[in-house]
PDB file of N, CA and C in Angstrom:
ATOM      1  N   MET A   1      -9.835  -1.457 -29.561  1.00  0.00           N
ATOM      2  CA  MET A   1      -9.688  -2.627 -28.744  1.00  0.00           C
ATOM      3  C   MET A   1      -8.674  -2.360 -27.593  1.00  0.00           C
ATOM      4  N   ILE A   2      -9.115  -2.846 -26.397  1.00  0.00           N
ATOM      5  CA  ILE A   2      -8.305  -2.342 -25.101  1.00  0.00           C
ATOM      6  C   ILE A   2      -7.758  -3.962 -24.598  1.00  0.00           C
ATOM      7  N   SER A   3      -6.550  -3.992 -24.382  1.00  0.00           N
ATOM      8  CA  SER A   3      -5.875  -5.228 -24.061  1.00  0.00           C
ATOM      9  C   SER A   3      -5.453  -5.157 -22.533  1.00  0.00           C
ATOM     10  N   SER A   4      -5.929  -5.802 -21.583  1.00  0.00           N
ATOM     11  CA  SER A   4      -5.487  -5.592 -20.234  1.00  0.00           C
ATOM     12  C   SER A   4      -4.923  -7.077 -19.739  1.00  0.00           C
ATOM     13  N   VAL A   5      -4.441  -7.862 -20.387  1.00  0.00           N
ATOM     14  CA  VAL A   5      -3.937  -9.134 -19.951  1.00  0.00           C
ATOM     15  C   VAL A   5      -2.727  -9.126 -19.327  1.00  0.00           C
ATOM     16  N   HIS A   6      -2.404 -10.221 -18.433  1.00  0.00           N
ATOM     17  CA  HIS A   6      -0.844 -10.238 -17.813  1.00  0.00           C
ATOM     18  C   HIS A   6       0.207 -10.334 -18.907  1.00  0.00           C
ATOM     19  N   PHE A   7       1.132  -9.629 -18.829  1.00  0.00           N
ATOM     20  CA  PHE A   7       2.158  -9.590 -19.887  1.00  0.00           C
ATOM     21  C   PHE A   7       2.832 -10.911 -19.805  1.00  0.00           C
ATOM     22  N   SER A   8       3.208 -11.488 -18.699  1.00  0.00           N
ATOM     23  CA  SER A   8       4.102 -12.652 -18.519  1.00  0.00           C
ATOM     24  C   SER A   8       3.360 -13.809 -18.922  1.00  0.00           C
ATOM     25  N   ALA A   9       2.145 -13.818 -19.231  1.00  0.00           N
ATOM     26  CA  ALA A   9       1.364 -14.957 -19.603  1.00  0.00           C
ATOM     27  C   ALA A   9       0.508 -14.753 -20.975  1.00  0.00           C
ATOM     28  N   SER A  10       1.161 -13.809 -21.636  1.00  0.00           N
ATOM     29  CA  SER A  10       0.673 -13.658 -23.139  1.00  0.00           C
ATOM     30  C   SER A  10       1.709 -13.628 -24.160  1.00  0.00           C
ATOM     31  N   ASP A  11       1.452 -13.653 -25.248  1.00  0.00           N
ATOM     32  CA  ASP A  11       2.383 -13.747 -26.423  1.00  0.00           C
ATOM     33  C   ASP A  11       2.110 -12.603 -27.371  1.00  0.00           C
ATOM     34  N   PRO A  12       3.170 -11.612 -27.475  1.00  0.00           N
ATOM     35  CA  PRO A  12       2.923 -10.482 -28.211  1.00  0.00           C
ATOM     36  C   PRO A  12       2.397 -10.872 -29.710  1.00  0.00           C
ATOM     37  N   GLU A  13       3.339 -11.870 -30.237  1.00  0.00           N
ATOM     38  CA  GLU A  13       2.857 -12.157 -31.688  1.00  0.00           C
ATOM     39  C   GLU A  13       1.325 -12.715 -31.841  1.00  0.00           C
ATOM     40  N   LYS A  14       1.102 -13.461 -30.877  1.00  0.00           N
ATOM     41  CA  LYS A  14      -0.527 -13.783 -31.073  1.00  0.00           C
ATOM     42  C   LYS A  14      -1.452 -12.515 -30.893  1.00  0.00           C
ATOM     43  N   LEU A  15      -1.044 -11.590 -29.963  1.00  0.00           N
ATOM     44  CA  LEU A  15      -1.931 -10.637 -29.664  1.00  0.00           C
ATOM     45  C   LEU A  15      -2.031  -9.680 -30.732  1.00  0.00           C
ATOM     46  N   ILE A  16      -0.826  -9.393 -31.440  1.00  0.00           N
ATOM     47  CA  ILE A  16      -0.801  -8.522 -32.633  1.00  0.00           C
ATOM     48  C   ILE A  16      -1.580  -9.086 -33.802  1.00  0.00           C
ATOM     49  N   ALA A  17      -1.374 -10.351 -33.919  1.00  0.00           N
ATOM     50  CA  ALA A  17      -1.898 -11.213 -35.058  1.00  0.00           C
ATOM     51  C   ALA A  17      -3.504 -11.256 -35.110  1.00  0.00           C
ATOM     52  N   ALA A  18      -3.972 -11.234 -33.759  1.00  0.00           N
ATOM     53  CA  ALA A  18      -5.443 -11.161 -33.648  1.00  0.00           C
ATOM     54  C   ALA A  18      -5.994 -10.039 -33.819  1.00  0.00           C
ATOM     55  N   VAL A  19      -5.231  -8.795 -33.354  1.00  0.00           N
ATOM     56  CA  VAL A  19      -5.785  -7.407 -33.501  1.00  0.00           C
ATOM     57  C   VAL A  19      -5.713  -7.210 -35.165  1.00  0.00           C
ATOM     58  N   ARG A  20      -4.679  -7.575 -36.006  1.00  0.00           N
ATOM     59  CA  ARG A  20      -4.516  -7.511 -37.449  1.00  0.00           C
ATOM     60  C   ARG A  20      -5.747  -8.094 -38.218  1.00  0.00           C
ATOM     61  N   LYS A  21      -5.908  -9.543 -37.658  1.00  0.00           N
ATOM     62  CA  LYS A  21      -6.948 -10.194 -38.364  1.00  0.00           C
ATOM     63  C   LYS A  21      -8.235  -9.657 -38.214  1.00  0.00           C
ATOM     64  N   ALA A  22      -8.580  -9.228 -36.858  1.00  0.00           N
ATOM     65  CA  ALA A  22      -9.920  -8.448 -36.632  1.00  0.00           C
ATOM     66  C   ALA A  22     -10.103  -7.221 -37.431  1.00  0.00           C
ATOM     67  N   LYS A  23      -8.820  -6.556 -38.003  1.00  0.00           N
ATOM     68  CA  LYS A  23      -8.955  -5.270 -38.494  1.00  0.00           C
ATOM     69  C   LYS A  23      -9.298  -4.151 -37.477  1.00  0.00           C
ATOM     70  N   VAL A  24      -8.947  -4.273 -36.394  1.00  0.00           N
ATOM     71  CA  VAL A  24      -8.924  -3.494 -35.355  1.00  0.00           C
ATOM     72  C   VAL A  24      -8.386  -2.193 -35.731  1.00  0.00           C
ATOM     73  N   PRO A  25      -9.101  -0.840 -35.831  1.00  0.00           N
ATOM     74  CA  PRO A  25      -8.339   0.243 -36.179  1.00  0.00           C
ATOM     75  C   PRO A  25      -7.376   0.899 -35.134  1.00  0.00           C
ATOM     76  N   ARG A  26      -7.765   0.628 -33.884  1.00  0.00           N
ATOM     77  CA  ARG A  26      -6.838   1.131 -32.696  1.00  0.00           C
ATOM     78  C   ARG A  26      -6.796   0.143 -31.573  1.00  0.00           C
ATOM     79  N   TYR A  27      -5.418  -0.130 -31.193  1.00  0.00           N
ATOM     80  CA  TYR A  27      -5.230  -1.062 -30.257  1.00  0.00           C
ATOM     81  C   TYR A  27      -4.456  -0.352 -28.953  1.00  0.00           C
ATOM     82  N   LEU A  28      -5.331  -0.487 -27.841  1.00  0.00           N
ATOM     83  CA  LEU A  28      -4.777   0.030 -26.531  1.00  0.00           C
ATOM     84  C   LEU A  28      -4.327  -0.976 -25.627  1.00  0.00           C
ATOM     85  N   VAL A  29      -3.241  -0.673 -24.945  1.00  0.00           N
ATOM     86  CA  VAL A  29      -2.661  -1.533 -24.184  1.00  0.00           C
ATOM     87  C   VAL A  29      -2.562  -0.894 -22.756  1.00  0.00           C
ATOM     88  N   VAL A  30      -3.137  -1.591 -21.603  1.00  0.00           N
ATOM     89  CA  VAL A  30      -3.350  -1.085 -20.465  1.00  0.00           C
ATOM     90  C   VAL A  30      -2.137  -1.535 -19.534  1.00  0.00           C
ATOM     91  N   GLY A  31      -1.357  -0.747 -18.936  1.00  0.00           N
ATOM     92  CA  GLY A  31      -0.283  -1.450 -17.941  1.00  0.00           C
ATOM     93  C   GLY A  31       1.171  -1.169 -18.814  1.00  0.00           C
ATOM     94  N   GLY A  32       2.145  -1.639 -18.095  1.00  0.00           N
ATOM     95  CA  GLY A  32       3.527  -1.432 -18.742  1.00  0.00           C
ATOM     96  C   GLY A  32       4.184  -0.234 -18.425  1.00  0.00           C
ATOM     97  N   ALA A  33       3.973   0.291 -17.172  1.00  0.00           N
ATOM     98  CA  ALA A  33       4.640   1.308 -16.897  1.00  0.00           C
ATOM     99  C   ALA A  33       6.124   1.143 -16.590  1.00  0.00           C
ATOM    100  N   GLY A  34       6.457  -0.038 -16.383  1.00  0.00           N
ATOM    101  CA  GLY A  34       7.944  -0.187 -16.033  1.00  0.00           C
ATOM    102  C   GLY A  34       8.601   0.029 -17.420  1.00  0.00           C
ATOM    103  N   SER A  35       8.063  -0.194 -18.601  1.00  0.00           N
ATOM    104  CA  SER A  35       8.796   0.009 -19.747  1.00  0.00           C
ATOM    105  C   SER A  35       8.828   1.434 -20.172  1.00  0.00           C
ATOM    106  N   LEU A  36       8.480   2.556 -19.540  1.00  0.00           N
ATOM    107  CA  LEU A  36       8.531   4.014 -19.709  1.00  0.00           C
ATOM    108  C   LEU A  36       9.748   4.558 -19.391  1.00  0.00           C
ATOM    109  N   GLU A  37      10.243   5.297 -20.036  1.00  0.00           N
ATOM    110  CA  GLU A  37      11.625   5.964 -19.706  1.00  0.00           C
ATOM    111  C   GLU A  37      11.780   6.905 -18.687  1.00  0.00           C
ATOM    112  N   VAL A  38      12.549   6.839 -17.814  1.00  0.00           N
ATOM    113  CA  VAL A  38      12.449   7.828 -16.509  1.00  0.00           C
ATOM    114  C   VAL A  38      13.477   9.084 -16.923  1.00  0.00           C
ATOM    115  N   VAL A  39      14.531   8.828 -17.829  1.00  0.00           N
ATOM    116  CA  VAL A  39      15.291   9.625 -18.572  1.00  0.00           C
ATOM    117  C   VAL A  39      15.560   9.009 -19.861  1.00  0.00           C
ATOM    118  N   PRO A  40      15.960   9.859 -20.905  1.00  0.00           N
ATOM    119  CA  PRO A  40      16.079   9.443 -22.211  1.00  0.00           C
ATOM    120  C   PRO A  40      17.219   8.118 -22.175  1.00  0.00           C
ATOM    121  N   GLY A  41      16.521   7.095 -22.940  1.00  0.00           N
ATOM    122  CA  GLY A  41      17.309   5.916 -23.065  1.00  0.00           C
ATOM    123  C   GLY A  41      17.303   4.985 -21.937  1.00  0.00           C
ATOM    124  N   THR A  42      16.573   5.200 -20.720  1.00  0.00           N
ATOM    125  CA  THR A  42      16.536   4.547 -19.564  1.00  0.00           C
ATOM    126  C   THR A  42      15.122   4.266 -19.243  1.00  0.00           C
ATOM    127  N   ARG A  43      14.802   2.894 -19.273  1.00  0.00           N
ATOM    128  CA  ARG A  43      13.304   2.369 -18.698  1.00  0.00           C
ATOM    129  C   ARG A  43      13.527   2.156 -17.261  1.00  0.00           C
ATOM    130  N   LEU A  44      12.225   2.371 -16.716  1.00  0.00           N
ATOM    131  CA  LEU A  44      12.009   2.233 -15.211  1.00  0.00           C
ATOM    132  C   LEU A  44      12.476   0.889 -14.794  1.00  0.00           C
ATOM    133  N   ILE A  45      12.229  -0.145 -15.677  1.00  0.00           N
ATOM    134  CA  ILE A  45      12.703  -1.495 -15.416  1.00  0.00           C
ATOM    135  C   ILE A  45      14.255  -1.672 -15.244  1.00  0.00           C
ATOM    136  N   ASP A  46      14.878  -0.726 -15.827  1.00  0.00           N
ATOM    137  CA  ASP A  46      16.295  -1.022 -16.072  1.00  0.00           C
ATOM    138  C   ASP A  46      17.005  -0.149 -14.848  1.00  0.00           C
ATOM    139  N   THR A  47      16.305   0.537 -13.984  1.00  0.00           N
ATOM    140  CA  THR A  47      16.895   1.337 -12.839  1.00  0.00           C
ATOM    141  C   THR A  47      17.252   0.448 -11.696  1.00  0.00           C
ATOM    142  N   PRO A  48      18.129   0.762 -11.079  1.00  0.00           N
ATOM    143  CA  PRO A  48      18.755  -0.099  -9.844  1.00  0.00           C
ATOM    144  C   PRO A  48      17.606  -0.370  -8.756  1.00  0.00           C
ATOM    145  N   GLY A  49      16.578   0.342  -8.420  1.00  0.00           N
ATOM    146  CA  GLY A  49      15.639   0.231  -7.347  1.00  0.00           C
ATOM    147  C   GLY A  49      14.438  -0.387  -7.949  1.00  0.00           C
ATOM    148  N   PHE A  50      14.357  -0.876  -9.135  1.00  0.00           N
ATOM    149  CA  PHE A  50      13.219  -1.560  -9.501  1.00  0.00           C
ATOM    150  C   PHE A  50      13.096  -2.896  -8.902  1.00  0.00           C
ATOM    151  N   PRO A  51      11.950  -3.265  -8.349  1.00  0.00           N
ATOM    152  CA  PRO A  51      11.459  -4.384  -7.634  1.00  0.00           C
ATOM    153  C   PRO A  51      11.687  -5.564  -8.332  1.00  0.00           C
ATOM    154  N   GLY A  52      12.472  -6.510  -7.993  1.00  0.00           N
ATOM    155  CA  GLY A  52      12.788  -7.793  -8.485  1.00  0.00           C
ATOM    156  C   GLY A  52      11.277  -8.474  -8.578  1.00  0.00           C
ATOM    157  N   ALA A  53      10.445  -8.291  -7.773  1.00  0.00           N
ATOM    158  CA  ALA A  53       9.222  -9.156  -7.874  1.00  0.00           C
ATOM    159  C   ALA A  53       8.434  -8.748  -9.014  1.00  0.00           C
ATOM    160  N   TYR A  54       8.560  -7.600  -9.309  1.00  0.00           N
ATOM    161  CA  TYR A  54       7.830  -7.104 -10.674  1.00  0.00           C
ATOM    162  C   TYR A  54       8.589  -7.240 -12.091  1.00  0.00           C
ATOM    163  N   ARG A  55       9.752  -7.764 -11.899  1.00  0.00           N
ATOM    164  CA  ARG A  55      10.637  -7.709 -13.230  1.00  0.00           C
ATOM    165  C   ARG A  55      10.045  -8.653 -14.209  1.00  0.00           C
ATOM    166  N   LYS A  56       9.438  -9.715 -13.835  1.00  0.00           N
ATOM    167  CA  LYS A  56       9.053 -10.661 -15.026  1.00  0.00           C
ATOM    168  C   LYS A  56       7.782  -9.985 -15.685  1.00  0.00           C
ATOM    169  N   GLU A  57       6.851  -9.414 -15.016  1.00  0.00           N
ATOM    170  CA  GLU A  57       5.664  -8.890 -15.635  1.00  0.00           C
ATOM    171  C   GLU A  57       6.070  -7.663 -16.461  1.00  0.00           C
ATOM    172  N   ALA A  58       6.830  -6.774 -15.768  1.00  0.00           N
ATOM    173  CA  ALA A  58       7.386  -5.561 -16.457  1.00  0.00           C
ATOM    174  C   ALA A  58       8.216  -5.814 -17.633  1.00  0.00           C
ATOM    175  N   GLY A  59       8.818  -6.883 -17.624  1.00  0.00           N
ATOM    176  CA  GLY A  59       9.542  -7.392 -18.922  1.00  0.00           C
ATOM    177  C   GLY A  59       8.643  -7.674 -19.946  1.00  0.00           C
ATOM    178  N   GLY A  60       7.668  -8.402 -19.528  1.00  0.00           N
ATOM    179  CA  GLY A  60       6.788  -8.891 -20.619  1.00  0.00           C
ATOM    180  C   GLY A  60       6.060  -7.638 -21.121  1.00  0.00           C
ATOM    181  N   GLY A  61       5.664  -6.557 -20.489  1.00  0.00           N
ATOM    182  CA  GLY A  61       5.093  -5.238 -20.924  1.00  0.00           C
ATOM    183  C   GLY A  61       6.097  -4.685 -21.921  1.00  0.00           C
ATOM    184  N   ALA A  62       7.465  -4.734 -21.675  1.00  0.00           N
ATOM    185  CA  ALA A  62       8.369  -3.976 -22.448  1.00  0.00           C
ATOM    186  C   ALA A  62       8.493  -4.691 -23.611  1.00  0.00           C
ATOM    187  N   ALA A  63       8.360  -6.053 -23.658  1.00  0.00           N
ATOM    188  CA  ALA A  63       8.528  -6.799 -24.817  1.00  0.00           C
ATOM    189  C   ALA A  63       7.261  -6.538 -25.767  1.00  0.00           C
ATOM    190  N   ILE A  64       6.202  -6.206 -25.264  1.00  0.00           N
ATOM    191  CA  ILE A  64       4.841  -6.055 -26.019  1.00  0.00           C
ATOM    192  C   ILE A  64       5.163  -4.774 -26.732  1.00  0.00           C
ATOM    193  N   LEU A  65       5.464  -3.501 -25.828  1.00  0.00           N
ATOM    194  CA  LEU A  65       5.719  -2.344 -26.327  1.00  0.00           C
ATOM    195  C   LEU A  65       6.810  -2.303 -27.429  1.00  0.00           C
ATOM    196  N   ASP A  66       7.842  -2.913 -27.309  1.00  0.00           N
ATOM    197  CA  ASP A  66       9.002  -2.949 -28.307  1.00  0.00           C
ATOM    198  C   ASP A  66       8.334  -3.672 -29.512  1.00  0.00           C
ATOM    199  N   ARG A  67       7.348  -4.644 -29.573  1.00  0.00           N
ATOM    200  CA  ARG A  67       6.966  -5.293 -30.649  1.00  0.00           C
ATOM    201  C   ARG A  67       5.898  -4.477 -31.326  1.00  0.00           C
ATOM    202  N   LEU A  68       5.280  -3.862 -30.718  1.00  0.00           N
ATOM    203  CA  LEU A  68       4.203  -2.786 -31.190  1.00  0.00           C
ATOM    204  C   LEU A  68       4.986  -1.678 -31.971  1.00  0.00           C
ATOM    205  N   ARG A  69       6.044  -1.136 -31.363  1.00  0.00           N
ATOM    206  CA  ARG A  69       6.838   0.115 -32.059  1.00  0.00           C
ATOM    207  C   ARG A  69       7.463  -0.529 -33.242  1.00  0.00           C
ATOM    208  N   GLU A  70       7.819  -1.831 -33.248  1.00  0.00           N
ATOM    209  CA  GLU A  70       8.351  -2.512 -34.571  1.00  0.00           C
ATOM    210  C   GLU A  70       7.356  -2.591 -35.622  1.00  0.00           C
ATOM    211  N   THR A  71       6.112  -3.075 -35.230  1.00  0.00           N
ATOM    212  CA  THR A  71       4.965  -3.214 -36.358  1.00  0.00           C
ATOM    213  C   THR A  71       4.136  -2.152 -36.485  1.00  0.00           C
ATOM    214  N   HIS A  72       4.434  -0.820 -35.827  1.00  0.00           N
ATOM    215  CA  HIS A  72       3.553   0.170 -36.062  1.00  0.00           C
ATOM    216  C   HIS A  72       3.424   0.749 -37.568  1.00  0.00           C
ATOM    217  N   ASP A  73       2.367   0.796 -38.038  1.00  0.00           N
ATOM    218  CA  ASP A  73       2.072   1.190 -39.544  1.00  0.00           C
ATOM    219  C   ASP A  73       2.574   0.167 -40.641  1.00  0.00           C
ATOM    220  N   THR A  74       2.644  -1.006 -40.201  1.00  0.00           N
ATOM    221  CA  THR A  74       3.252  -2.042 -41.105  1.00  0.00           C
ATOM    222  C   THR A  74       2.108  -2.882 -41.513  1.00  0.00           C
TER     223      THR A  74
END
């Protein structure tokens, strides 16, 4: 399954629950580059030059990534 929803308009818990209920073997999320690390321990969204206009959407992507990491293989 591939998810390409707007992060700021979605609920990570509902998305993960739906994927689990459907017994989807692999869940891919498109987007979320702001949550990637530019150096170990520092995400792109947390750098000083990250554009404020994209912060809400990037923050939602980071929240989904964090939640997926927490639930991986559980």
